N, C-alpha and C. Protein backbone atom coordinates (compact mmCIF):
# COMPACT_ATOMS: atom_id res chain seq x y z
N MET A 1 -0.88 -6.64 -1.31
CA MET A 1 -1.69 -7.36 -2.25
C MET A 1 -0.86 -8.36 -2.92
N THR A 2 -1.21 -9.55 -3.06
CA THR A 2 -0.57 -10.62 -3.71
C THR A 2 -1.21 -10.82 -5.13
N THR A 3 -0.36 -11.02 -6.10
CA THR A 3 -0.93 -11.20 -7.43
C THR A 3 -0.39 -12.54 -7.91
N ALA A 4 -1.03 -13.29 -8.72
CA ALA A 4 -0.57 -14.54 -9.26
C ALA A 4 0.11 -14.28 -10.60
N MET A 5 1.07 -15.13 -10.83
CA MET A 5 1.85 -14.97 -12.09
C MET A 5 1.62 -16.20 -12.87
N ARG A 6 1.24 -16.03 -14.22
CA ARG A 6 1.09 -17.20 -15.05
C ARG A 6 2.45 -17.88 -15.32
N ILE A 7 2.50 -19.13 -15.29
CA ILE A 7 3.68 -19.95 -15.53
C ILE A 7 3.66 -20.17 -17.05
N THR A 8 4.58 -19.70 -17.71
CA THR A 8 4.65 -19.88 -19.25
C THR A 8 5.90 -20.52 -19.75
N GLY A 9 6.73 -20.91 -18.80
CA GLY A 9 8.02 -21.59 -19.23
C GLY A 9 9.21 -20.71 -19.50
N HIS A 10 9.03 -19.39 -19.11
CA HIS A 10 10.18 -18.55 -19.27
C HIS A 10 10.32 -17.69 -18.01
N THR A 11 11.46 -17.07 -17.80
CA THR A 11 11.79 -16.29 -16.65
C THR A 11 11.01 -14.93 -16.68
N PRO A 12 10.37 -14.57 -15.54
CA PRO A 12 9.68 -13.25 -15.58
C PRO A 12 10.64 -12.17 -15.74
N GLU A 13 10.12 -11.01 -16.19
CA GLU A 13 10.92 -9.83 -16.39
C GLU A 13 11.38 -9.28 -14.94
N ARG A 14 12.62 -8.79 -14.85
CA ARG A 14 13.02 -8.33 -13.56
C ARG A 14 12.33 -7.00 -13.29
N PRO A 15 12.12 -6.74 -11.93
CA PRO A 15 11.40 -5.52 -11.50
C PRO A 15 12.28 -4.30 -11.88
N LYS A 16 11.67 -3.24 -12.29
CA LYS A 16 12.33 -2.01 -12.69
C LYS A 16 12.60 -1.22 -11.40
N THR A 17 13.81 -0.67 -11.16
CA THR A 17 14.09 0.11 -10.03
C THR A 17 15.15 1.15 -10.35
N ASP A 18 15.24 2.31 -9.70
CA ASP A 18 16.19 3.31 -9.92
C ASP A 18 17.50 3.06 -9.03
N CYS A 19 17.39 2.07 -8.18
CA CYS A 19 18.48 1.76 -7.26
C CYS A 19 19.48 0.77 -7.92
N ALA A 20 20.71 1.16 -8.01
CA ALA A 20 21.69 0.33 -8.68
C ALA A 20 21.85 -1.01 -7.95
N LEU A 21 21.88 -1.00 -6.61
CA LEU A 21 22.00 -2.28 -5.78
C LEU A 21 20.83 -3.15 -6.04
N ALA A 22 19.61 -2.63 -5.96
CA ALA A 22 18.37 -3.34 -6.21
C ALA A 22 18.41 -3.98 -7.65
N SER A 23 18.89 -3.21 -8.61
CA SER A 23 18.85 -3.73 -9.98
C SER A 23 19.79 -4.86 -10.09
N ARG A 24 20.97 -4.91 -9.42
CA ARG A 24 21.91 -6.06 -9.42
C ARG A 24 21.33 -7.29 -8.87
N VAL A 25 20.60 -7.15 -7.78
CA VAL A 25 20.12 -8.38 -7.13
C VAL A 25 18.72 -8.76 -7.47
N SER A 26 18.04 -7.95 -8.29
CA SER A 26 16.60 -8.25 -8.53
C SER A 26 16.38 -9.64 -9.25
N GLY A 27 17.36 -10.22 -9.86
CA GLY A 27 17.21 -11.43 -10.53
C GLY A 27 17.25 -12.62 -9.67
N VAL A 28 17.72 -12.44 -8.34
CA VAL A 28 17.90 -13.57 -7.42
C VAL A 28 16.93 -13.45 -6.29
N GLU A 29 16.19 -12.34 -6.09
CA GLU A 29 15.37 -12.18 -4.96
C GLU A 29 13.97 -11.82 -5.47
N THR A 30 13.01 -11.95 -4.55
CA THR A 30 11.68 -11.48 -4.78
C THR A 30 11.67 -9.92 -4.80
N GLN A 31 10.67 -9.34 -5.39
CA GLN A 31 10.64 -7.82 -5.42
C GLN A 31 10.70 -7.25 -4.03
N MET A 32 9.91 -7.87 -3.08
CA MET A 32 9.89 -7.32 -1.69
C MET A 32 11.23 -7.30 -1.09
N ILE A 33 12.00 -8.46 -1.20
CA ILE A 33 13.21 -8.64 -0.62
C ILE A 33 14.20 -7.60 -1.28
N THR A 34 14.17 -7.47 -2.62
CA THR A 34 15.01 -6.53 -3.32
C THR A 34 14.81 -5.12 -2.83
N GLU A 35 13.61 -4.71 -2.65
CA GLU A 35 13.28 -3.39 -2.25
C GLU A 35 13.77 -3.16 -0.85
N MET A 36 13.57 -4.13 0.07
CA MET A 36 14.11 -4.01 1.49
C MET A 36 15.59 -3.99 1.50
N ALA A 37 16.32 -4.88 0.70
CA ALA A 37 17.70 -4.86 0.72
C ALA A 37 18.27 -3.57 0.23
N GLY A 38 17.70 -3.00 -0.76
CA GLY A 38 18.09 -1.72 -1.39
C GLY A 38 17.91 -0.64 -0.36
N ALA A 39 16.76 -0.58 0.37
CA ALA A 39 16.52 0.41 1.38
C ALA A 39 17.52 0.21 2.54
N ALA A 40 17.78 -0.94 2.97
CA ALA A 40 18.75 -1.13 4.03
C ALA A 40 20.17 -0.63 3.62
N PHE A 41 20.53 -0.98 2.41
CA PHE A 41 21.80 -0.47 1.96
C PHE A 41 21.88 1.04 1.98
N HIS A 42 20.88 1.73 1.46
CA HIS A 42 20.89 3.20 1.53
C HIS A 42 20.83 3.78 2.93
N LEU A 43 20.17 3.14 3.88
CA LEU A 43 20.10 3.57 5.25
C LEU A 43 21.43 3.42 5.93
N GLU A 44 22.12 2.27 5.67
CA GLU A 44 23.42 2.04 6.26
C GLU A 44 24.38 3.04 5.78
N ARG A 45 24.37 3.37 4.46
CA ARG A 45 25.26 4.33 3.87
C ARG A 45 25.00 5.73 4.44
N LEU A 46 23.65 6.11 4.54
CA LEU A 46 23.32 7.37 5.13
C LEU A 46 23.79 7.56 6.59
N GLN A 47 23.64 6.44 7.32
CA GLN A 47 24.04 6.46 8.75
C GLN A 47 25.48 6.82 8.93
N SER A 48 26.32 6.37 7.98
CA SER A 48 27.72 6.60 8.16
C SER A 48 28.08 8.03 7.78
N THR A 49 27.20 8.81 7.05
CA THR A 49 27.48 10.18 6.64
C THR A 49 26.74 11.24 7.36
N VAL A 50 25.79 10.91 8.19
CA VAL A 50 24.83 11.85 8.71
C VAL A 50 25.47 12.85 9.67
N GLY A 51 26.36 12.44 10.55
CA GLY A 51 26.94 13.27 11.52
C GLY A 51 26.13 13.32 12.75
N THR A 52 26.28 14.43 13.51
CA THR A 52 25.58 14.56 14.80
C THR A 52 24.08 15.03 14.54
N PRO A 53 23.22 14.81 15.51
CA PRO A 53 21.90 15.33 15.35
C PRO A 53 21.81 16.84 15.09
N GLU A 54 22.70 17.53 15.71
CA GLU A 54 22.79 19.07 15.45
C GLU A 54 23.18 19.39 13.99
N GLN A 55 24.06 18.56 13.41
CA GLN A 55 24.43 18.78 11.97
C GLN A 55 23.26 18.41 11.11
N GLU A 56 22.55 17.32 11.41
CA GLU A 56 21.38 16.94 10.62
C GLU A 56 20.27 18.02 10.75
N LEU A 57 20.10 18.55 11.93
CA LEU A 57 19.00 19.60 12.12
C LEU A 57 19.40 20.79 11.33
N ALA A 58 20.69 21.22 11.27
CA ALA A 58 21.07 22.41 10.55
C ALA A 58 20.93 22.24 9.02
N ALA A 59 20.69 21.00 8.54
CA ALA A 59 20.59 20.80 7.07
C ALA A 59 19.20 21.09 6.65
N TYR A 60 18.26 21.28 7.49
CA TYR A 60 16.87 21.62 7.10
C TYR A 60 16.81 22.96 6.39
N LYS A 61 16.04 23.07 5.38
CA LYS A 61 15.91 24.36 4.61
C LYS A 61 14.70 25.15 5.20
N VAL A 62 13.96 24.53 6.11
CA VAL A 62 12.78 25.28 6.78
C VAL A 62 13.07 25.23 8.29
N ASP A 63 12.36 26.02 8.96
CA ASP A 63 12.51 26.09 10.38
C ASP A 63 12.15 24.76 11.05
N MET A 64 13.02 24.23 11.83
CA MET A 64 12.84 22.92 12.50
C MET A 64 13.46 22.94 13.86
N THR A 65 12.60 22.62 14.86
CA THR A 65 13.11 22.59 16.24
C THR A 65 13.82 21.22 16.46
N ALA A 66 14.61 21.13 17.48
CA ALA A 66 15.29 19.91 17.82
C ALA A 66 14.28 18.87 18.28
N ASP A 67 13.24 19.31 19.03
CA ASP A 67 12.20 18.38 19.55
C ASP A 67 11.35 17.82 18.31
N ARG A 68 11.02 18.68 17.36
CA ARG A 68 10.21 18.22 16.21
C ARG A 68 11.08 17.25 15.40
N HIS A 69 12.29 17.53 15.22
CA HIS A 69 13.17 16.66 14.49
C HIS A 69 13.39 15.30 15.13
N ARG A 70 13.50 15.30 16.48
CA ARG A 70 13.69 14.13 17.29
C ARG A 70 12.47 13.28 17.10
N ASP A 71 11.21 13.88 17.21
CA ASP A 71 9.98 13.23 17.16
C ASP A 71 9.84 12.56 15.74
N TYR A 72 10.23 13.28 14.69
CA TYR A 72 10.14 12.83 13.37
C TYR A 72 11.04 11.59 13.18
N VAL A 73 12.35 11.70 13.58
CA VAL A 73 13.23 10.58 13.40
C VAL A 73 12.71 9.35 14.25
N LEU A 74 12.27 9.53 15.43
CA LEU A 74 11.78 8.41 16.17
C LEU A 74 10.45 7.81 15.56
N GLY A 75 9.67 8.67 15.01
CA GLY A 75 8.39 8.24 14.39
C GLY A 75 8.60 7.38 13.21
N VAL A 76 9.59 7.91 12.38
CA VAL A 76 9.87 7.15 11.16
C VAL A 76 10.53 5.80 11.54
N ALA A 77 11.43 5.75 12.48
CA ALA A 77 11.96 4.44 12.95
C ALA A 77 10.91 3.51 13.34
N ALA A 78 9.88 3.99 14.08
CA ALA A 78 8.85 3.17 14.55
C ALA A 78 8.04 2.57 13.34
N ARG A 79 7.84 3.44 12.33
CA ARG A 79 7.12 2.93 11.17
C ARG A 79 7.95 1.87 10.45
N ILE A 80 9.24 2.04 10.36
CA ILE A 80 10.07 1.05 9.75
C ILE A 80 10.09 -0.31 10.48
N ARG A 81 10.10 -0.21 11.86
CA ARG A 81 10.02 -1.42 12.68
C ARG A 81 8.67 -2.10 12.50
N ARG A 82 7.58 -1.40 12.45
CA ARG A 82 6.30 -2.02 12.30
C ARG A 82 6.21 -2.67 10.91
N ALA A 83 6.73 -2.03 9.85
CA ALA A 83 6.74 -2.64 8.55
C ALA A 83 7.54 -3.93 8.53
N LEU A 84 8.65 -3.87 9.17
CA LEU A 84 9.53 -5.14 9.19
C LEU A 84 8.85 -6.18 9.98
N ASP A 85 8.32 -5.85 11.06
CA ASP A 85 7.48 -6.85 11.88
C ASP A 85 6.42 -7.48 11.06
N THR A 86 5.64 -6.68 10.35
CA THR A 86 4.58 -7.14 9.38
C THR A 86 5.14 -8.12 8.34
N LEU A 87 6.26 -7.66 7.73
CA LEU A 87 6.83 -8.47 6.71
C LEU A 87 7.37 -9.82 7.18
N THR A 88 7.97 -9.78 8.33
CA THR A 88 8.68 -11.03 8.84
C THR A 88 7.71 -11.95 9.65
N ALA A 89 6.59 -11.40 10.14
CA ALA A 89 5.74 -12.22 11.01
C ALA A 89 5.42 -13.61 10.40
N PRO A 90 4.98 -13.70 9.13
CA PRO A 90 4.65 -14.96 8.56
C PRO A 90 5.78 -15.93 8.53
N TYR A 91 7.02 -15.54 8.64
CA TYR A 91 8.18 -16.43 8.55
C TYR A 91 8.71 -16.82 9.93
N GLU A 92 8.24 -16.18 10.94
CA GLU A 92 8.71 -16.45 12.34
C GLU A 92 8.33 -17.86 12.68
N THR A 93 9.30 -18.56 13.35
CA THR A 93 9.17 -19.89 13.74
C THR A 93 8.38 -19.98 15.05
N PRO A 94 7.31 -20.64 15.17
CA PRO A 94 6.57 -20.70 16.39
C PRO A 94 7.42 -21.46 17.50
N ALA A 95 7.22 -21.00 18.73
CA ALA A 95 8.12 -21.50 19.85
C ALA A 95 7.80 -23.03 20.07
N ASP A 96 6.59 -23.41 19.88
CA ASP A 96 6.19 -24.77 20.12
C ASP A 96 5.51 -25.42 18.86
N THR A 97 6.10 -26.49 18.35
CA THR A 97 5.53 -27.11 17.19
C THR A 97 4.98 -28.50 17.56
N ASP A 98 4.13 -29.00 16.79
CA ASP A 98 3.60 -30.34 17.06
C ASP A 98 4.37 -31.50 16.38
N THR A 99 5.59 -31.25 16.04
CA THR A 99 6.40 -32.28 15.35
C THR A 99 6.87 -33.36 16.23
N GLY A 100 6.80 -33.17 17.54
CA GLY A 100 7.31 -34.13 18.45
C GLY A 100 8.82 -34.03 18.68
N GLN A 101 9.48 -33.07 17.98
CA GLN A 101 10.86 -32.83 18.19
C GLN A 101 11.13 -31.69 19.10
N ALA A 102 12.17 -31.66 19.85
CA ALA A 102 12.59 -30.63 20.72
C ALA A 102 12.92 -29.30 19.98
N ALA A 103 12.54 -28.21 20.55
CA ALA A 103 12.81 -27.03 19.80
C ALA A 103 14.31 -26.66 19.80
N ALA A 104 14.84 -26.20 18.60
CA ALA A 104 16.18 -25.93 18.52
C ALA A 104 16.69 -24.70 19.24
C-alpha cells in the first residue's frame, strides 16, 4: 500500500526499527530499501554462522525431520525470491524501448 506524504518544508521522521544497521541507513534510503538492506545484512551474517544442514537440524527444540527442514528452507527461499521479484519488477528495464537508441 502506498501512502502520500504531505510536503511541509521539513525532513520526515526516520522510520523506527530495532535493527542497528537499518537505523544507521534509514536517513538515506526509503523505508522499503532500508528494511531489505537490513534483512540482507542479517541473512548474510547468519549464512556465515549456520554450519551444516545437520547442525542446523540439531538446533531445533521440537522434533524435525531432515525432509521437513529441507522443504521449509527451500519454501522460505522461494518466498524471498517472489518478494524480491515483486519489489524489483517495476524497476526492470524493458528489453526493447521506443527511444530509437540501441539497447545497452
